[in-house]
Amino acid sequence: MFESLKSSLKHFKKEVKSTFTDSPHEPGDLPAKDTNEEISSEIISLTRKASSLAQGKAIFDQKSLSTPLQELELSLLSSDVELGVAEAIIDAVRQDLVGTSRKITTGVENAVEEALKKALLSVLDESTFDLESFLSSNPSPTIIIFVGVNGVGKTTTLAKFAHFLDSIGYSTVLANGDTYRAGANEQLTVHSEALGKKLITHQQGGDPTAVLYDAVEYAKAHDIDVVLCDTAGRLHTNKDLMSQLEKINRVVSPDLTIFIDEAIAGQDAVNRARHFNDIAPIDGVILTKIDADTSGGAAISITHAIKKPILFLGSGQKYEDLEPFDSLAFVDNLLD
């Protein structure tokens, strides 16, 4: 996964290193300049570079990094990284490297990789949510609702999430707030039976707020730790369904609202997260189909765009296929 993004980062490291390992220009090789001042500046720059290279050192300057950084920015954009996020990464790398020097034999590649690592972590700095600490400190039952568009794996992800909570010792009850989609009850019933969970549901066309209210009352009566509520998949352009989501948020006041989308949706996932966050503030994100994502742009961009953490990454159809998001491990994987 993330082959495109990995390739872009690898190419950047290679290009920067080659800048200092290729033969340097001599002052006599200078291109024509318009003024003596420009020629003098170029001579000084090249003389310093030649001197540093002769000592086995590389000085990172604006000129030597300009072309590799431009190419990196274009590569990030082609990997579905949002423009603002790509610019933030480029600026961070530039600020970290320009004006520093390293040994050519061992230091250049290490310095570039460290700069990339810091830059990537800086755009993922919202992804530090500790779910277990949150659950342990929150009065029971904790109410968690799952929102997103149609067909992104929201219901399956809810079931995976219930399985994960089981593994860390938290009991759950499921609530079907998707009262519009034909087959929604049946799908969640299959999951609830497979997981051994109680499912609270109403007839199709009912009020999802009432379903969630009943689930909360059941949790209180049976000493259940967490209520997990599915909601109807909805486009952010559907005003009625978005108003319904706003009502759920206002009446029930969930403790966590988790936005679900596909990693392969790229920039579309980022835009949808923004719209949902405007209607019913999102507390965290789960990206599905991460194993099919060749670009990696959504995972890099979505946290920076809405200032909310990625909580989990989903892959296959098994209940175990939900992995807590670790930004450091994620970045290390990108940089091999």
Protein backbone atom coordinates (compact mmCIF):
# COMPACT_ATOMS: atom_id res chain seq x y z
CA MET A 1 0.00 0.00 0.00
CA PHE A 2 0.93 3.68 -0.46
CA GLU A 3 3.30 2.76 -3.31
CA SER A 4 2.91 6.16 -4.98
CA LEU A 5 3.72 8.14 -1.84
CA LYS A 6 6.60 5.86 -0.89
CA SER A 7 8.05 6.23 -4.39
CA SER A 8 7.81 10.03 -4.21
CA LEU A 9 9.65 10.19 -0.90
CA LYS A 10 12.31 7.73 -2.03
CA HIS A 11 12.89 9.69 -5.25
CA PHE A 12 13.30 12.92 -3.29
CA LYS A 13 15.97 11.40 -1.04
CA LYS A 14 17.80 10.10 -4.09
CA GLU A 15 17.64 13.44 -5.93
CA VAL A 16 18.96 15.45 -2.99
CA LYS A 17 21.81 13.00 -2.44
CA SER A 18 22.78 13.10 -6.11
CA THR A 19 23.03 16.89 -5.92
CA PHE A 20 26.06 16.50 -3.67
CA THR A 21 27.59 13.35 -5.09
CA ASP A 22 27.65 14.51 -8.72
CA SER A 23 30.65 16.56 -9.85
CA PRO A 24 30.33 20.18 -8.75
CA HIS A 25 30.52 23.11 -11.15
CA GLU A 26 33.68 25.13 -11.21
CA PRO A 27 33.47 28.93 -11.24
CA GLY A 28 34.56 28.88 -14.90
CA ASP A 29 31.46 26.90 -15.79
CA LEU A 30 29.14 29.70 -14.71
CA PRO A 31 26.14 30.47 -16.91
CA ALA A 32 25.80 34.01 -18.23
CA LYS A 33 24.43 36.54 -15.74
CA ASP A 34 22.95 39.97 -16.23
CA THR A 35 25.07 41.78 -13.64
CA ASN A 36 28.45 41.55 -12.00
CA GLU A 37 26.68 41.25 -8.65
CA GLU A 38 24.85 38.10 -9.76
CA ILE A 39 28.05 36.61 -11.14
CA SER A 40 29.90 37.38 -7.91
CA SER A 41 27.11 35.79 -5.83
CA GLU A 42 27.17 32.68 -7.99
CA ILE A 43 30.96 32.41 -7.72
CA ILE A 44 30.81 32.65 -3.93
CA SER A 45 28.07 30.04 -3.76
CA LEU A 46 29.86 27.58 -6.02
CA THR A 47 33.19 28.19 -4.33
CA ARG A 48 31.66 27.39 -0.93
CA LYS A 49 30.00 24.31 -2.38
CA ALA A 50 33.23 23.11 -3.99
CA SER A 51 35.13 23.74 -0.76
CA SER A 52 32.60 21.84 1.34
CA LEU A 53 32.54 18.94 -1.10
CA ALA A 54 36.34 18.80 -1.05
CA GLN A 55 36.06 18.38 2.73
CA GLY A 56 33.46 15.63 2.32
CA LYS A 57 30.62 17.83 3.52
CA ALA A 58 27.36 18.93 1.94
CA ILE A 59 25.79 22.31 2.64
CA PHE A 60 22.04 22.33 2.11
CA ASP A 61 21.15 25.63 0.48
CA GLN A 62 18.03 26.99 -1.18
CA LYS A 63 19.43 26.53 -4.68
CA SER A 64 20.44 22.89 -4.31
CA LEU A 65 17.07 21.96 -2.79
CA SER A 66 14.86 24.00 -5.12
CA THR A 67 14.37 21.49 -7.94
CA PRO A 68 14.04 18.37 -5.73
CA LEU A 69 11.48 20.17 -3.54
CA GLN A 70 9.46 21.27 -6.57
CA GLU A 71 9.43 17.72 -7.88
CA LEU A 72 8.44 16.39 -4.47
CA GLU A 73 5.52 18.79 -4.22
CA LEU A 74 4.21 17.70 -7.63
CA SER A 75 4.62 14.05 -6.65
CA LEU A 76 2.72 14.60 -3.39
CA LEU A 77 -0.13 16.25 -5.27
CA SER A 78 -0.26 13.36 -7.74
CA SER A 79 -0.53 11.01 -4.73
CA ASP A 80 -3.74 12.80 -3.65
CA VAL A 81 -2.07 14.80 -0.89
CA GLU A 82 -4.05 18.01 -0.45
CA LEU A 83 -2.35 21.18 -1.72
CA GLY A 84 -2.18 22.85 1.70
CA VAL A 85 -0.74 19.69 3.26
CA ALA A 86 1.83 19.28 0.46
CA GLU A 87 2.92 22.89 0.94
CA ALA A 88 3.22 22.39 4.71
CA ILE A 89 5.45 19.35 4.16
CA ILE A 90 7.65 21.17 1.65
CA ASP A 91 8.02 24.22 3.91
CA ALA A 92 8.92 22.06 6.90
CA VAL A 93 11.58 20.14 4.97
CA ARG A 94 13.05 23.35 3.56
CA GLN A 95 13.25 25.04 6.96
CA ASP A 96 14.79 21.96 8.53
CA LEU A 97 17.53 21.51 5.92
CA VAL A 98 18.52 24.92 4.51
CA GLY A 99 21.68 26.24 6.14
CA THR A 100 22.77 22.91 7.60
CA SER A 101 25.70 20.72 6.57
CA ARG A 102 26.31 16.99 6.73
CA LYS A 103 28.99 14.46 5.83
CA ILE A 104 28.38 13.28 2.29
CA THR A 105 29.24 9.66 3.02
CA THR A 106 26.70 9.11 5.79
CA GLY A 107 24.91 12.32 6.63
CA VAL A 108 23.04 13.54 3.56
CA GLU A 109 20.54 10.71 3.23
CA ASN A 110 20.04 10.52 6.99
CA ALA A 111 19.43 14.26 7.24
CA VAL A 112 16.91 14.21 4.41
CA GLU A 113 15.06 11.25 5.89
CA GLU A 114 14.91 12.88 9.31
CA ALA A 115 13.60 16.10 7.77
CA LEU A 116 10.91 14.18 5.88
CA LYS A 117 9.99 12.26 9.02
CA LYS A 118 9.59 15.43 11.08
CA ALA A 119 7.58 17.09 8.30
CA LEU A 120 5.20 14.15 7.93
CA LEU A 121 4.72 13.83 11.67
CA SER A 122 3.99 17.55 11.88
CA VAL A 123 0.98 17.19 9.56
CA LEU A 124 -0.19 14.15 11.54
CA ASP A 125 0.24 15.81 14.93
CA GLU A 126 -3.51 15.61 15.70
CA SER A 127 -3.39 11.80 15.63
CA THR A 128 -2.60 11.34 19.30
CA PHE A 129 -6.00 10.28 20.68
CA ASP A 130 -5.81 7.67 23.45
CA LEU A 131 -9.08 5.76 23.20
CA GLU A 132 -8.54 3.58 26.27
CA SER A 133 -7.78 6.58 28.48
CA PHE A 134 -10.85 8.35 27.13
CA LEU A 135 -13.12 5.38 27.83
CA SER A 136 -11.75 4.81 31.31
CA SER A 137 -12.31 8.44 32.29
CA ASN A 138 -15.72 8.86 30.64
CA PRO A 139 -18.91 8.05 32.63
CA SER A 140 -20.69 4.95 31.30
CA PRO A 141 -22.30 4.45 28.94
CA THR A 142 -20.05 6.13 26.40
CA ILE A 143 -22.08 6.98 23.29
CA ILE A 144 -20.25 6.63 19.97
CA ILE A 145 -21.90 7.26 16.60
CA PHE A 146 -20.50 6.39 13.19
CA VAL A 147 -21.11 8.73 10.25
CA GLY A 148 -20.11 8.86 6.61
CA VAL A 149 -21.33 8.44 3.03
CA ASN A 150 -22.86 5.32 1.51
CA GLY A 151 -20.78 2.27 0.73
CA VAL A 152 -17.55 3.03 2.61
CA GLY A 153 -17.80 0.12 5.06
CA LYS A 154 -19.36 2.01 7.96
CA THR A 155 -21.48 -0.84 9.35
CA THR A 156 -18.69 -3.41 9.02
CA THR A 157 -16.30 -0.98 10.70
CA LEU A 158 -18.72 -0.54 13.61
CA ALA A 159 -18.72 -4.34 14.08
CA LYS A 160 -14.91 -4.41 13.95
CA PHE A 161 -14.84 -1.60 16.52
CA ALA A 162 -17.11 -3.61 18.83
CA HIS A 163 -14.74 -6.56 18.50
CA PHE A 164 -11.78 -4.32 19.34
CA LEU A 165 -13.55 -2.97 22.45
CA ASP A 166 -14.19 -6.54 23.54
CA SER A 167 -10.47 -7.26 23.25
CA ILE A 168 -9.64 -4.44 25.69
CA GLY A 169 -12.39 -5.31 28.15
CA TYR A 170 -15.32 -3.00 27.28
CA SER A 171 -18.87 -4.27 26.83
CA THR A 172 -21.00 -2.86 24.01
CA VAL A 173 -24.55 -2.67 22.71
CA LEU A 174 -25.24 -1.95 19.04
CA ALA A 175 -27.87 0.46 17.77
CA ASN A 176 -29.13 0.67 14.20
CA GLY A 177 -29.73 4.33 13.49
CA ASP A 178 -29.83 3.60 9.75
CA THR A 179 -33.61 3.46 9.52
CA TYR A 180 -33.71 4.36 5.82
CA ARG A 181 -31.63 1.76 3.98
CA ALA A 182 -33.38 -1.46 3.10
CA GLY A 183 -31.39 -4.32 4.55
CA ALA A 184 -29.62 -2.24 7.20
CA ASN A 185 -31.29 -4.13 10.06
CA GLU A 186 -30.40 -7.47 8.51
CA GLN A 187 -26.76 -6.51 8.00
CA LEU A 188 -26.28 -5.31 11.56
CA THR A 189 -28.24 -8.30 12.90
CA VAL A 190 -25.72 -10.65 11.24
CA HIS A 191 -22.86 -8.80 12.93
CA SER A 192 -24.58 -8.62 16.34
CA GLU A 193 -25.24 -12.36 16.32
CA ALA A 194 -21.70 -13.19 15.22
CA LEU A 195 -20.30 -10.99 18.00
CA GLY A 196 -22.86 -12.02 20.61
CA LYS A 197 -24.13 -8.45 21.01
CA LYS A 198 -27.52 -6.99 21.79
CA LEU A 199 -28.92 -4.98 18.87
CA ILE A 200 -31.42 -2.17 19.41
CA THR A 201 -33.43 -1.42 16.29
CA HIS A 202 -36.77 0.06 15.14
CA GLN A 203 -38.85 -0.42 12.04
CA GLN A 204 -37.58 0.98 8.76
CA GLY A 205 -38.42 4.66 8.41
CA GLY A 206 -38.37 5.34 12.14
CA ASP A 207 -36.60 8.13 13.99
CA PRO A 208 -32.90 7.25 14.45
CA THR A 209 -32.73 9.53 17.47
CA ALA A 210 -35.32 7.35 19.21
CA VAL A 211 -33.30 4.23 18.40
CA LEU A 212 -30.21 5.71 19.97
CA TYR A 213 -32.17 6.87 23.01
CA ASP A 214 -33.48 3.33 23.55
CA ALA A 215 -29.95 1.92 23.19
CA VAL A 216 -28.64 4.30 25.83
CA GLU A 217 -31.46 3.31 28.22
CA TYR A 218 -30.68 -0.36 27.62
CA ALA A 219 -26.99 0.25 28.33
CA LYS A 220 -27.81 2.00 31.59
CA ALA A 221 -30.16 -0.77 32.70
CA HIS A 222 -27.69 -3.56 31.88
CA ASP A 223 -24.46 -1.86 32.94
CA ILE A 224 -23.04 -1.75 29.39
CA ASP A 225 -19.91 0.34 28.89
CA VAL A 226 -20.34 1.62 25.32
CA VAL A 227 -23.21 2.27 22.90
CA LEU A 228 -22.19 1.96 19.24
CA CYS A 229 -24.69 3.57 16.87
CA ASP A 230 -24.76 3.17 13.10
CA THR A 231 -26.32 5.95 11.03
CA ALA A 232 -27.60 6.20 7.49
CA GLY A 233 -24.96 6.79 4.88
CA ARG A 234 -25.50 10.22 3.47
CA LEU A 235 -23.98 12.61 1.00
CA HIS A 236 -23.04 15.95 2.46
CA THR A 237 -25.28 17.52 -0.20
CA ASN A 238 -28.43 15.77 1.17
CA LYS A 239 -29.84 18.51 3.35
CA ASP A 240 -32.55 16.38 4.99
CA LEU A 241 -30.18 13.64 6.12
CA MET A 242 -27.56 16.12 7.22
CA SER A 243 -30.22 17.94 9.26
CA GLN A 244 -31.11 14.57 10.82
CA LEU A 245 -27.47 14.09 11.78
CA GLU A 246 -27.45 17.54 13.31
CA LYS A 247 -30.55 16.56 15.35
CA ILE A 248 -28.87 13.39 16.64
CA ASN A 249 -25.87 15.42 17.67
CA ARG A 250 -28.04 18.02 19.41
CA VAL A 251 -30.51 15.71 21.18
CA VAL A 252 -28.29 12.80 22.18
CA SER A 253 -24.94 14.61 22.53
CA PRO A 254 -22.70 11.64 21.64
CA ASP A 255 -19.37 11.38 23.40
CA LEU A 256 -17.58 10.54 20.16
CA THR A 257 -18.58 11.05 16.55
CA ILE A 258 -16.40 8.96 14.25
CA PHE A 259 -16.24 9.70 10.53
CA ILE A 260 -15.72 6.69 8.26
CA ASP A 261 -14.43 6.90 4.70
CA GLU A 262 -12.32 4.94 2.26
CA ALA A 263 -8.61 5.70 2.08
CA ILE A 264 -8.81 5.15 -1.69
CA ALA A 265 -11.23 8.10 -1.95
CA GLY A 266 -8.23 10.45 -1.62
CA GLN A 267 -9.15 14.12 -1.86
CA ASP A 268 -12.87 13.31 -1.88
CA ALA A 269 -12.54 11.79 1.60
CA VAL A 270 -10.87 14.97 2.86
CA ASN A 271 -13.59 17.19 1.38
CA ARG A 272 -16.39 15.01 2.80
CA ALA A 273 -14.77 15.04 6.24
CA ARG A 274 -14.80 18.84 6.16
CA HIS A 275 -18.50 18.98 5.29
CA PHE A 276 -19.50 16.45 7.94
CA ASN A 277 -17.38 18.25 10.52
CA ASP A 278 -19.24 21.48 9.78
CA ILE A 279 -22.64 19.85 10.49
CA ALA A 280 -21.83 17.53 13.38
CA PRO A 281 -18.30 18.01 14.71
CA ILE A 282 -16.14 14.92 14.15
CA ASP A 283 -13.98 13.63 16.97
CA GLY A 284 -11.96 11.11 14.99
CA VAL A 285 -11.57 9.30 11.68
CA ILE A 286 -11.39 5.68 10.59
CA LEU A 287 -10.11 5.02 7.07
CA THR A 288 -11.20 1.78 5.42
CA LYS A 289 -9.70 -0.21 2.51
CA ILE A 290 -6.26 0.97 3.52
CA ASP A 291 -4.72 -2.14 1.94
CA ALA A 292 -6.03 -1.07 -1.48
CA ASP A 293 -4.73 2.50 -1.24
CA THR A 294 -1.77 2.98 -3.58
CA SER A 295 -1.48 6.73 -3.06
CA GLY A 296 -1.71 7.46 0.69
CA GLY A 297 -2.95 11.00 0.18
CA ALA A 298 -6.08 10.74 2.33
CA ALA A 299 -4.21 9.33 5.31
CA ILE A 300 -1.66 12.14 5.10
CA SER A 301 -4.17 14.93 4.49
CA ILE A 302 -7.33 14.30 6.47
CA THR A 303 -5.92 14.91 9.96
CA HIS A 304 -4.26 18.16 8.95
CA ALA A 305 -7.39 19.32 7.11
CA ILE A 306 -9.93 18.90 9.93
CA LYS A 307 -7.56 18.93 12.93
CA LYS A 308 -8.95 15.64 14.23
CA PRO A 309 -7.08 12.36 14.75
CA ILE A 310 -7.11 9.18 12.71
CA LEU A 311 -8.18 6.50 15.19
CA PHE A 312 -7.97 3.29 13.19
CA LEU A 313 -7.10 1.91 9.76
CA GLY A 314 -9.33 -0.80 8.33
CA SER A 315 -8.41 -3.37 5.72
CA GLY A 316 -10.15 -6.74 5.13
CA GLN A 317 -13.51 -8.15 6.18
CA LYS A 318 -12.46 -9.98 9.35
CA TYR A 319 -13.31 -8.45 12.70
CA GLU A 320 -9.59 -8.39 13.52
CA ASP A 321 -8.85 -6.21 10.46
CA LEU A 322 -8.93 -2.91 12.32
CA GLU A 323 -5.60 -1.49 13.45
CA PRO A 324 -5.14 1.42 15.89
CA PHE A 325 -3.42 4.25 14.07
CA ASP A 326 0.17 4.95 15.11
CA SER A 327 1.55 8.03 13.34
CA LEU A 328 5.18 7.13 14.05
CA ALA A 329 4.82 3.58 12.69
CA PHE A 330 2.86 4.99 9.74
CA VAL A 331 5.63 7.43 8.80
CA ASP A 332 8.36 4.83 9.33
CA ASN A 333 6.50 2.59 6.90
CA LEU A 334 6.35 5.36 4.30
CA LEU A 335 10.08 5.94 4.60
CA ASP A 336 10.90 2.20 4.67
